[in-house]
Amino acid sequence: MASNKLIAILVLIVALSLQGDNNNAVEAQLTTNFYSTSCPNLLSTVQSTVKSSVNGQPRMGASILRLFFHDCFVNGCDGSILLDDTSSFTGEQNAVPNRQTARGFNVIDNIKSAVEKACPGVVSCADILAIAARDSVVLLGGPNWNVKVGRRDARTASQAAANNNIPAPTSSLSQLISSFSAVGLSTRDMVALSGAHTIGQSSCRNFRTRVYNETNINAAFATLRQRSCPRASGSGDANLAPLDVTSAASFDNSYFKNLVAQRGLLHSDQELFNGGSTDSIVRGYSNNPSSFSSDFAAAMIKMGDISPLTGSSGEIRKVCGSTN
């Protein structure tokens, strides 16, 4: 009788272990060499297109990086932000954080076309976006890292999640910490990733209140930004200013130096250095560029791990703007 019980237990253990293996097969982990055999020229193909785009317009590097960030914060890094609206489908591109400001879709489309010629039906748009974000940072002088790949593309998108999950430029420090924590990113990750604002630009509508009404701002900097951003709402709303007044086209640690000097462009930027719990991290990055670079690279890898579709989930889109 005892032996029968033992056999039954062993059978159950084996069954559970096999079930676990099957689950792991579906939930495969991302790896850096996922396409080494199926698409060996992937990295060079992506890099050449990103390079020509960023060299022609340095701001495009920030736009691609922002696309990746906004993709990952909405149901994971699944390429959902790339899906265009249709008469029967509402995507994320017209959500408040993306409407009229998300850029770089044409660059991702161009990369996808080149990759499809090299290895058709193999590489996801989600992975292309992740690699292009890394290449953009490197081309502008930032750190390099090995991008983990193996993501598949979503067949769905969520405008509501884009509106709710992507941190707004008006966010408080506690809201920022909470938004990043919700996707598994630490406060230090949040500060490091905010350093992406060392490149790129923002529109007047996003910083008008700060430069006219807030007091924790350098007076000369506020005056400078007011010149291209009229006080009246609706006037000059789309006028652009660099997020990093010092070196907008270079990926460096000057963003953090600006925060220490109260020259953060957005309310959410200056919240990182405003007498709160993140002041010491900001000061550390302002004094130690290599610390920022290594933490940023690590945080980008961590962000890229947010809820990827793998195995048989999702699909490999033929074009990034629509499902197959």
Protein backbone atom coordinates (compact mmCIF):
# COMPACT_ATOMS: atom_id res chain seq x y z
CA MET A 1 0.00 0.00 0.00
CA ALA A 2 2.81 2.36 0.95
CA SER A 3 4.60 1.60 -2.32
CA ASN A 4 1.45 2.44 -4.28
CA LYS A 5 1.22 5.78 -2.48
CA LEU A 6 4.89 6.45 -3.24
CA ILE A 7 4.38 5.66 -6.92
CA ALA A 8 1.35 7.97 -7.05
CA ILE A 9 3.37 10.80 -5.48
CA LEU A 10 6.23 10.27 -7.95
CA VAL A 11 3.83 10.33 -10.89
CA LEU A 12 2.35 13.59 -9.61
CA ILE A 13 5.79 15.18 -9.20
CA VAL A 14 6.80 14.18 -12.75
CA ALA A 15 3.51 15.54 -14.15
CA LEU A 16 3.97 18.86 -12.36
CA SER A 17 7.56 19.17 -13.54
CA LEU A 18 6.53 18.53 -17.13
CA GLN A 19 3.78 21.11 -16.80
CA GLY A 20 6.35 23.59 -15.54
CA ASP A 21 8.58 22.88 -18.55
CA ASN A 22 5.68 23.54 -20.90
CA ASN A 23 4.92 26.83 -19.18
CA ASN A 24 8.56 27.85 -19.39
CA ALA A 25 8.54 27.09 -23.10
CA VAL A 26 5.63 29.47 -23.55
CA GLU A 27 7.10 32.09 -21.21
CA ALA A 28 10.57 31.93 -22.71
CA GLN A 29 13.04 34.46 -21.36
CA LEU A 30 14.48 37.15 -23.60
CA THR A 31 18.09 36.58 -24.65
CA THR A 32 20.72 38.65 -26.41
CA ASN A 33 21.34 36.00 -29.08
CA PHE A 34 17.74 35.13 -30.01
CA TYR A 35 18.27 36.00 -33.68
CA SER A 36 21.90 34.94 -34.02
CA THR A 37 20.97 32.16 -36.43
CA SER A 38 17.61 33.27 -37.84
CA CYS A 39 18.66 36.87 -38.62
CA PRO A 40 22.43 37.25 -38.14
CA ASN A 41 22.63 40.74 -39.71
CA LEU A 42 19.80 42.19 -37.63
CA LEU A 43 21.88 44.54 -35.47
CA SER A 44 23.81 46.08 -38.34
CA THR A 45 20.61 46.46 -40.37
CA VAL A 46 18.88 48.35 -37.55
CA GLN A 47 21.93 50.46 -36.77
CA SER A 48 22.46 51.71 -40.32
CA THR A 49 18.90 53.05 -40.60
CA VAL A 50 18.95 54.60 -37.12
CA LYS A 51 22.32 56.19 -37.88
CA SER A 52 21.14 57.87 -41.06
CA SER A 53 17.99 59.14 -39.32
CA VAL A 54 19.72 60.48 -36.21
CA ASN A 55 22.59 62.00 -38.17
CA GLY A 56 20.05 63.83 -40.29
CA GLN A 57 17.99 64.94 -37.29
CA PRO A 58 19.57 64.41 -33.83
CA ARG A 59 16.17 64.97 -32.17
CA MET A 60 14.99 61.72 -33.78
CA GLY A 61 17.16 59.76 -31.34
CA ALA A 62 15.17 61.13 -28.42
CA SER A 63 11.91 60.44 -30.26
CA ILE A 64 12.76 56.77 -30.79
CA LEU A 65 13.86 56.39 -27.18
CA ARG A 66 10.58 57.97 -26.05
CA LEU A 67 8.59 55.58 -28.28
CA PHE A 68 10.20 52.62 -26.54
CA PHE A 69 9.49 54.08 -23.09
CA HIS A 70 5.85 54.78 -23.95
CA ASP A 71 5.49 51.30 -25.44
CA CYS A 72 6.85 49.48 -22.40
CA PHE A 73 4.69 51.39 -19.91
CA VAL A 74 1.49 50.22 -21.62
CA ASN A 75 0.99 46.48 -21.12
CA GLY A 76 4.70 45.79 -21.59
CA CYS A 77 7.22 46.12 -24.42
CA ASP A 78 5.01 44.64 -27.13
CA GLY A 79 5.07 47.15 -29.98
CA SER A 80 1.48 48.22 -29.26
CA ILE A 81 2.32 51.91 -29.64
CA LEU A 82 3.24 51.28 -33.27
CA LEU A 83 -0.29 50.18 -34.26
CA ASP A 84 -2.15 52.79 -36.30
CA ASP A 85 -5.78 53.66 -35.69
CA THR A 86 -8.30 52.35 -38.21
CA SER A 87 -12.08 52.64 -38.57
CA SER A 88 -12.43 49.54 -36.40
CA PHE A 89 -9.35 49.80 -34.15
CA THR A 90 -8.27 52.40 -31.61
CA GLY A 91 -4.59 52.30 -30.76
CA GLU A 92 -2.35 54.33 -28.44
CA GLN A 93 -1.02 56.98 -30.78
CA ASN A 94 -3.83 59.43 -30.01
CA ALA A 95 -3.68 58.98 -26.25
CA VAL A 96 -2.88 62.25 -24.48
CA PRO A 97 0.83 61.46 -23.87
CA ASN A 98 1.34 60.54 -27.55
CA ARG A 99 -1.01 62.72 -29.58
CA GLN A 100 0.91 65.01 -31.95
CA THR A 101 4.13 64.39 -29.98
CA ALA A 102 5.06 60.74 -30.54
CA ARG A 103 7.49 60.63 -33.48
CA GLY A 104 9.76 58.18 -35.24
CA PHE A 105 7.16 55.76 -36.56
CA ASN A 106 8.54 56.21 -40.08
CA VAL A 107 12.03 55.28 -38.89
CA ILE A 108 10.78 52.06 -37.31
CA ASP A 109 8.82 51.32 -40.51
CA ASN A 110 11.97 51.84 -42.58
CA ILE A 111 13.96 49.53 -40.32
CA LYS A 112 11.23 46.90 -40.50
CA SER A 113 11.27 47.03 -44.32
CA ALA A 114 15.04 46.52 -44.37
CA VAL A 115 14.86 43.69 -41.83
CA GLU A 116 12.04 41.97 -43.75
CA LYS A 117 14.25 41.92 -46.86
CA ALA A 118 17.09 40.32 -44.87
CA CYS A 119 14.98 37.79 -42.94
CA PRO A 120 11.25 37.90 -43.66
CA GLY A 121 8.75 37.07 -40.93
CA VAL A 122 11.37 36.58 -38.22
CA VAL A 123 11.94 39.79 -36.21
CA SER A 124 9.21 41.54 -34.21
CA CYS A 125 8.55 45.26 -34.34
CA ALA A 126 8.80 45.26 -30.54
CA ASP A 127 12.40 44.04 -30.77
CA ILE A 128 13.25 46.46 -33.56
CA LEU A 129 12.06 49.34 -31.35
CA ALA A 130 14.14 48.07 -28.39
CA ILE A 131 17.30 47.84 -30.52
CA ALA A 132 16.67 51.21 -32.19
CA ALA A 133 16.30 52.87 -28.78
CA ARG A 134 19.71 51.52 -27.72
CA ASP A 135 21.33 52.59 -31.00
CA SER A 136 19.85 56.09 -30.64
CA VAL A 137 21.43 56.52 -27.21
CA VAL A 138 24.81 55.25 -28.39
CA LEU A 139 24.82 57.49 -31.49
CA LEU A 140 24.25 60.54 -29.29
CA GLY A 141 27.18 59.67 -27.02
CA GLY A 142 25.40 57.60 -24.37
CA PRO A 143 26.16 54.16 -22.94
CA ASN A 144 25.91 50.86 -24.82
CA TRP A 145 24.23 47.70 -23.57
CA ASN A 146 23.32 44.29 -24.93
CA VAL A 147 19.64 44.37 -25.87
CA LYS A 148 17.69 41.29 -24.90
CA VAL A 149 15.35 40.15 -27.68
CA GLY A 150 12.77 37.48 -28.42
CA ARG A 151 9.66 39.64 -27.97
CA ARG A 152 6.60 39.15 -30.13
CA ASP A 153 4.16 41.82 -31.24
CA ALA A 154 0.81 42.58 -29.65
CA ARG A 155 -2.38 42.25 -31.63
CA THR A 156 -4.07 44.77 -29.34
CA ALA A 157 -3.41 48.20 -27.85
CA SER A 158 -4.92 50.28 -25.06
CA GLN A 159 -5.51 54.00 -25.34
CA ALA A 160 -6.91 54.01 -21.78
CA ALA A 161 -3.75 52.42 -20.37
CA ALA A 162 -1.60 54.89 -22.31
CA ASN A 163 -3.57 57.75 -20.76
CA ASN A 164 -3.30 56.28 -17.26
CA ASN A 165 0.12 54.60 -17.10
CA ILE A 166 2.53 56.99 -18.80
CA PRO A 167 3.79 59.61 -16.32
CA ALA A 168 2.64 63.15 -17.13
CA PRO A 169 4.96 66.21 -17.18
CA THR A 170 2.90 67.55 -14.27
CA SER A 171 3.61 64.50 -12.07
CA SER A 172 4.70 64.88 -8.47
CA LEU A 173 7.63 62.88 -7.11
CA SER A 174 5.31 60.42 -5.37
CA GLN A 175 3.33 59.94 -8.60
CA LEU A 176 6.54 59.28 -10.53
CA ILE A 177 7.76 56.75 -7.98
CA SER A 178 4.36 55.04 -8.02
CA SER A 179 4.16 54.90 -11.85
CA PHE A 180 7.56 53.27 -12.15
CA SER A 181 6.97 50.96 -9.21
CA ALA A 182 3.78 49.70 -10.88
CA VAL A 183 5.89 48.23 -13.70
CA GLY A 184 8.60 46.86 -11.44
CA LEU A 185 11.10 49.73 -11.65
CA SER A 186 12.77 51.15 -8.54
CA THR A 187 13.08 54.79 -7.56
CA ARG A 188 16.71 54.72 -8.67
CA ASP A 189 15.65 53.23 -12.02
CA MET A 190 13.14 56.06 -12.34
CA VAL A 191 15.75 58.77 -11.75
CA ALA A 192 18.24 57.12 -14.10
CA LEU A 193 15.64 56.71 -16.87
CA SER A 194 14.54 60.33 -16.39
CA GLY A 195 18.07 61.17 -17.49
CA ALA A 196 16.84 60.40 -21.02
CA HIS A 197 15.71 64.04 -20.88
CA THR A 198 19.32 64.97 -21.52
CA ILE A 199 18.22 64.74 -25.17
CA GLY A 200 15.06 65.84 -26.94
CA GLN A 201 12.59 68.70 -26.70
CA SER A 202 9.22 69.48 -25.20
CA SER A 203 6.45 71.83 -26.23
CA CYS A 204 5.38 75.04 -24.53
CA ARG A 205 2.07 73.56 -23.35
CA ASN A 206 4.06 71.14 -21.17
CA PHE A 207 6.23 73.72 -19.40
CA ARG A 208 4.23 77.00 -19.51
CA THR A 209 2.93 76.68 -15.95
CA ARG A 210 6.40 75.91 -14.65
CA VAL A 211 8.22 78.84 -16.25
CA TYR A 212 5.54 81.39 -15.27
CA ASN A 213 4.19 80.17 -11.93
CA GLU A 214 6.70 77.98 -10.11
CA THR A 215 9.28 79.35 -7.69
CA ASN A 216 11.84 76.53 -7.63
CA ILE A 217 13.24 77.67 -10.95
CA ASN A 218 16.34 79.65 -11.93
CA ALA A 219 15.12 83.16 -12.80
CA ALA A 220 17.31 83.59 -15.88
CA PHE A 221 16.27 80.16 -17.15
CA ALA A 222 12.58 80.98 -16.66
CA THR A 223 13.00 84.24 -18.59
CA LEU A 224 14.79 82.43 -21.41
CA ARG A 225 12.00 79.88 -21.79
CA GLN A 226 9.26 82.52 -21.57
CA ARG A 227 10.60 84.13 -24.77
CA SER A 228 9.34 81.24 -26.88
CA CYS A 229 6.36 80.30 -24.71
CA PRO A 230 3.70 83.03 -24.36
CA ARG A 231 1.82 83.17 -21.08
CA ALA A 232 -1.60 82.87 -22.74
CA SER A 233 -2.78 79.31 -23.20
CA GLY A 234 -3.35 78.45 -26.85
CA SER A 235 -0.64 80.82 -28.03
CA GLY A 236 2.56 79.10 -29.09
CA ASP A 237 1.50 75.82 -27.48
CA ALA A 238 3.57 73.77 -29.93
CA ASN A 239 6.73 75.89 -29.64
CA LEU A 240 9.63 73.66 -28.67
CA ALA A 241 12.44 74.02 -26.15
CA PRO A 242 15.27 71.61 -25.32
CA LEU A 243 14.76 69.49 -22.21
CA ASP A 244 18.47 69.97 -21.51
CA VAL A 245 19.40 73.63 -21.95
CA THR A 246 23.12 72.80 -21.87
CA SER A 247 23.67 70.05 -24.46
CA ALA A 248 20.40 68.97 -26.04
CA ALA A 249 21.99 66.80 -28.75
CA SER A 250 24.43 64.94 -26.48
CA PHE A 251 23.57 62.08 -24.16
CA ASP A 252 25.43 63.08 -20.98
CA ASN A 253 24.76 63.89 -17.33
CA SER A 254 24.11 67.61 -17.80
CA TYR A 255 20.38 67.03 -17.24
CA PHE A 256 21.17 66.32 -13.59
CA LYS A 257 23.48 69.32 -13.30
CA ASN A 258 20.59 71.42 -14.60
CA LEU A 259 18.26 70.02 -11.93
CA VAL A 260 20.73 70.95 -9.18
CA ALA A 261 20.78 74.48 -10.67
CA GLN A 262 16.94 74.54 -10.78
CA ARG A 263 16.90 74.49 -14.57
CA GLY A 264 14.62 71.51 -15.08
CA LEU A 265 12.22 72.30 -17.94
CA LEU A 266 9.26 70.22 -16.83
CA HIS A 267 7.61 70.19 -13.41
CA SER A 268 8.24 66.43 -13.28
CA ASP A 269 11.94 67.01 -14.00
CA GLN A 270 12.50 69.43 -11.14
CA GLU A 271 10.51 67.20 -8.76
CA LEU A 272 13.54 64.87 -8.79
CA PHE A 273 15.57 67.60 -7.07
CA ASN A 274 13.24 69.56 -4.85
CA GLY A 275 14.06 68.61 -1.27
CA GLY A 276 12.73 65.07 -1.62
CA SER A 277 14.02 61.52 -1.37
CA THR A 278 15.69 61.53 -4.79
CA ASP A 279 17.90 64.60 -4.27
CA SER A 280 20.91 62.48 -3.34
CA ILE A 281 20.57 60.30 -6.46
CA VAL A 282 20.37 63.38 -8.69
CA ARG A 283 23.40 64.96 -7.01
CA GLY A 284 25.30 61.70 -7.36
CA TYR A 285 24.60 61.51 -11.11
CA SER A 286 25.46 65.20 -11.55
CA ASN A 287 28.89 64.53 -10.06
CA ASN A 288 29.53 61.09 -11.53
CA PRO A 289 28.67 60.62 -15.23
CA SER A 290 29.87 57.01 -15.28
CA SER A 291 27.48 56.14 -12.44
CA PHE A 292 24.60 57.60 -14.43
CA SER A 293 25.65 55.78 -17.61
CA SER A 294 25.86 52.37 -15.96
CA ASP A 295 22.60 52.83 -14.04
CA PHE A 296 20.81 54.05 -17.15
CA ALA A 297 21.93 51.04 -19.18
CA ALA A 298 20.87 48.65 -16.39
CA ALA A 299 17.48 50.37 -16.07
CA MET A 300 16.91 50.18 -19.84
CA ILE A 301 17.52 46.43 -19.76
CA LYS A 302 15.15 46.13 -16.80
CA MET A 303 12.48 48.22 -18.54
CA GLY A 304 12.82 46.06 -21.65
CA ASP A 305 11.85 43.06 -19.53
CA ILE A 306 8.39 44.46 -18.70
CA SER A 307 5.77 41.85 -19.68
CA PRO A 308 7.11 40.81 -23.10
CA LEU A 309 5.05 38.53 -25.32
CA THR A 310 7.08 35.40 -26.03
CA GLY A 311 6.65 31.85 -27.27
CA SER A 312 3.34 31.52 -29.10
CA SER A 313 1.81 34.74 -27.71
CA GLY A 314 1.15 37.62 -30.08
CA GLU A 315 2.60 37.54 -33.60
CA ILE A 316 5.46 38.74 -35.77
CA ARG A 317 3.88 41.63 -37.67
CA LYS A 318 4.65 42.00 -41.37
CA VAL A 319 4.34 45.78 -41.03
CA CYS A 320 4.58 47.57 -37.71
CA GLY A 321 1.49 49.75 -38.11
CA SER A 322 -1.03 46.95 -38.41
CA THR A 323 -1.68 43.40 -37.27
CA ASN A 324 -1.31 40.58 -39.76
